[in-house]
Amino acid sequence: MAAEFAKRHVKPLGLSTDGVAEHMEWTKDVNDTQGTRVTFPIVADPDSTVARL
């Protein structure tokens, strides 16, 4: 859906309560198995500070 986001002049951003290592594994899995590429940044929030806000 990258083209749809670009049409609206917005950029996706992921927030996850997992750490960076888990993000790297998840991204690799998606890239390898889903026929697509994860191209948006993912913010690590392992202590859920941002998620709670």
N, C-alpha and C. Protein backbone atom coordinates (compact mmCIF):
# COMPACT_ATOMS: atom_id res chain seq x y z
N MET A 1 0.81 -1.20 0.00
CA MET A 1 0.00 0.00 0.00
C MET A 1 0.86 1.27 0.00
N ALA A 2 2.14 1.11 -0.29
CA ALA A 2 3.04 2.26 -0.27
C ALA A 2 2.55 3.38 -1.19
N ALA A 3 2.03 3.01 -2.35
CA ALA A 3 1.55 4.03 -3.29
C ALA A 3 0.38 4.82 -2.70
N GLU A 4 -0.49 4.15 -1.97
CA GLU A 4 -1.63 4.84 -1.34
C GLU A 4 -1.16 5.83 -0.28
N PHE A 5 -0.17 5.44 0.51
CA PHE A 5 0.38 6.36 1.50
C PHE A 5 1.02 7.55 0.80
N ALA A 6 1.79 7.28 -0.25
CA ALA A 6 2.46 8.37 -0.97
C ALA A 6 1.46 9.35 -1.58
N LYS A 7 0.35 8.82 -2.11
CA LYS A 7 -0.69 9.69 -2.67
C LYS A 7 -1.22 10.67 -1.64
N ARG A 8 -1.24 10.24 -0.40
CA ARG A 8 -1.79 11.06 0.69
C ARG A 8 -0.70 11.87 1.40
N HIS A 9 0.52 11.77 0.89
CA HIS A 9 1.66 12.50 1.45
C HIS A 9 1.89 12.16 2.92
N VAL A 10 1.75 10.87 3.24
CA VAL A 10 2.03 10.40 4.60
C VAL A 10 3.03 9.25 4.53
N LYS A 11 3.69 9.01 5.64
CA LYS A 11 4.66 7.93 5.73
C LYS A 11 4.28 7.03 6.90
N PRO A 12 4.18 5.72 6.67
CA PRO A 12 3.86 4.82 7.77
C PRO A 12 5.05 4.68 8.73
N LEU A 13 4.71 4.41 9.96
CA LEU A 13 5.69 4.19 11.01
C LEU A 13 5.13 3.11 11.92
N GLY A 14 5.92 2.08 12.18
CA GLY A 14 5.48 1.02 13.08
C GLY A 14 5.96 1.29 14.50
N LEU A 15 5.15 0.93 15.46
CA LEU A 15 5.54 0.99 16.87
C LEU A 15 5.33 -0.39 17.44
N SER A 16 6.34 -0.92 18.06
CA SER A 16 6.25 -2.28 18.60
C SER A 16 6.85 -2.32 19.99
N THR A 17 6.25 -3.11 20.83
CA THR A 17 6.79 -3.29 22.18
C THR A 17 7.88 -4.36 22.20
N ASP A 18 8.24 -4.87 21.03
CA ASP A 18 9.38 -5.77 20.91
C ASP A 18 10.65 -4.94 20.76
N GLY A 19 11.77 -5.60 20.92
CA GLY A 19 13.06 -4.94 20.76
C GLY A 19 13.53 -4.98 19.31
N VAL A 20 14.65 -4.34 19.07
CA VAL A 20 15.19 -4.23 17.72
C VAL A 20 15.50 -5.60 17.12
N ALA A 21 16.06 -6.51 17.90
CA ALA A 21 16.40 -7.84 17.39
C ALA A 21 15.15 -8.56 16.87
N GLU A 22 14.05 -8.44 17.60
CA GLU A 22 12.79 -9.06 17.15
C GLU A 22 12.28 -8.41 15.87
N HIS A 23 12.45 -7.09 15.77
CA HIS A 23 12.04 -6.38 14.55
C HIS A 23 12.82 -6.89 13.35
N MET A 24 14.11 -7.07 13.53
CA MET A 24 14.95 -7.55 12.43
C MET A 24 14.51 -8.93 11.98
N GLU A 25 14.21 -9.80 12.91
CA GLU A 25 13.75 -11.16 12.56
C GLU A 25 12.39 -11.11 11.87
N TRP A 26 11.48 -10.30 12.39
CA TRP A 26 10.15 -10.18 11.80
C TRP A 26 10.24 -9.63 10.38
N THR A 27 11.04 -8.58 10.20
CA THR A 27 11.21 -7.98 8.89
C THR A 27 11.78 -9.00 7.90
N LYS A 28 12.78 -9.74 8.32
CA LYS A 28 13.38 -10.76 7.47
C LYS A 28 12.34 -11.80 7.09
N ASP A 29 11.55 -12.25 8.05
CA ASP A 29 10.52 -13.25 7.78
C ASP A 29 9.50 -12.74 6.77
N VAL A 30 9.01 -11.52 6.97
CA VAL A 30 8.05 -10.93 6.03
C VAL A 30 8.67 -10.82 4.65
N ASN A 31 9.87 -10.29 4.58
CA ASN A 31 10.54 -10.12 3.28
C ASN A 31 10.74 -11.45 2.57
N ASP A 32 11.04 -12.51 3.33
CA ASP A 32 11.32 -13.82 2.75
C ASP A 32 10.07 -14.60 2.37
N THR A 33 8.97 -14.38 3.06
CA THR A 33 7.81 -15.27 2.89
C THR A 33 6.56 -14.62 2.31
N GLN A 34 6.49 -13.31 2.26
CA GLN A 34 5.24 -12.66 1.87
C GLN A 34 5.25 -11.99 0.51
N GLY A 35 6.36 -12.10 -0.20
CA GLY A 35 6.42 -11.51 -1.53
C GLY A 35 6.37 -10.00 -1.51
N THR A 36 6.84 -9.39 -0.45
CA THR A 36 6.85 -7.93 -0.32
C THR A 36 8.06 -7.54 0.51
N ARG A 37 8.30 -6.28 0.66
CA ARG A 37 9.41 -5.77 1.47
C ARG A 37 8.87 -4.82 2.51
N VAL A 38 9.34 -4.94 3.72
CA VAL A 38 9.02 -3.96 4.76
C VAL A 38 9.91 -2.75 4.50
N THR A 39 9.30 -1.61 4.23
CA THR A 39 10.08 -0.42 3.86
C THR A 39 9.85 0.74 4.82
N PHE A 40 9.10 0.50 5.88
CA PHE A 40 8.83 1.58 6.83
C PHE A 40 9.62 1.33 8.11
N PRO A 41 9.96 2.39 8.82
CA PRO A 41 10.69 2.22 10.07
C PRO A 41 9.79 1.66 11.17
N ILE A 42 10.42 0.93 12.07
CA ILE A 42 9.72 0.39 13.24
C ILE A 42 10.43 0.90 14.48
N VAL A 43 9.68 1.53 15.35
CA VAL A 43 10.23 2.08 16.59
C VAL A 43 10.12 1.02 17.68
N ALA A 44 11.22 0.73 18.33
CA ALA A 44 11.23 -0.21 19.45
C ALA A 44 10.78 0.51 20.72
N ASP A 45 9.85 -0.11 21.41
CA ASP A 45 9.32 0.45 22.66
C ASP A 45 9.19 -0.68 23.68
N PRO A 46 10.33 -1.34 24.00
CA PRO A 46 10.26 -2.55 24.81
C PRO A 46 9.71 -2.35 26.23
N ASP A 47 9.76 -1.13 26.74
CA ASP A 47 9.19 -0.91 28.08
C ASP A 47 7.79 -0.31 27.99
N SER A 48 7.25 -0.20 26.76
CA SER A 48 5.86 0.25 26.49
C SER A 48 5.60 1.70 26.88
N THR A 49 6.63 2.50 27.02
CA THR A 49 6.43 3.91 27.39
C THR A 49 5.56 4.63 26.38
N VAL A 50 5.89 4.53 25.12
CA VAL A 50 5.13 5.21 24.08
C VAL A 50 3.76 4.56 23.92
N ALA A 51 3.71 3.25 23.94
CA ALA A 51 2.45 2.55 23.77
C ALA A 51 1.42 2.94 24.83
N ARG A 52 1.87 3.17 26.05
CA ARG A 52 0.95 3.57 27.12
C ARG A 52 0.43 4.99 26.95
N LEU A 53 1.21 5.83 26.27
CA LEU A 53 0.78 7.21 26.07
C LEU A 53 -0.39 7.27 25.12
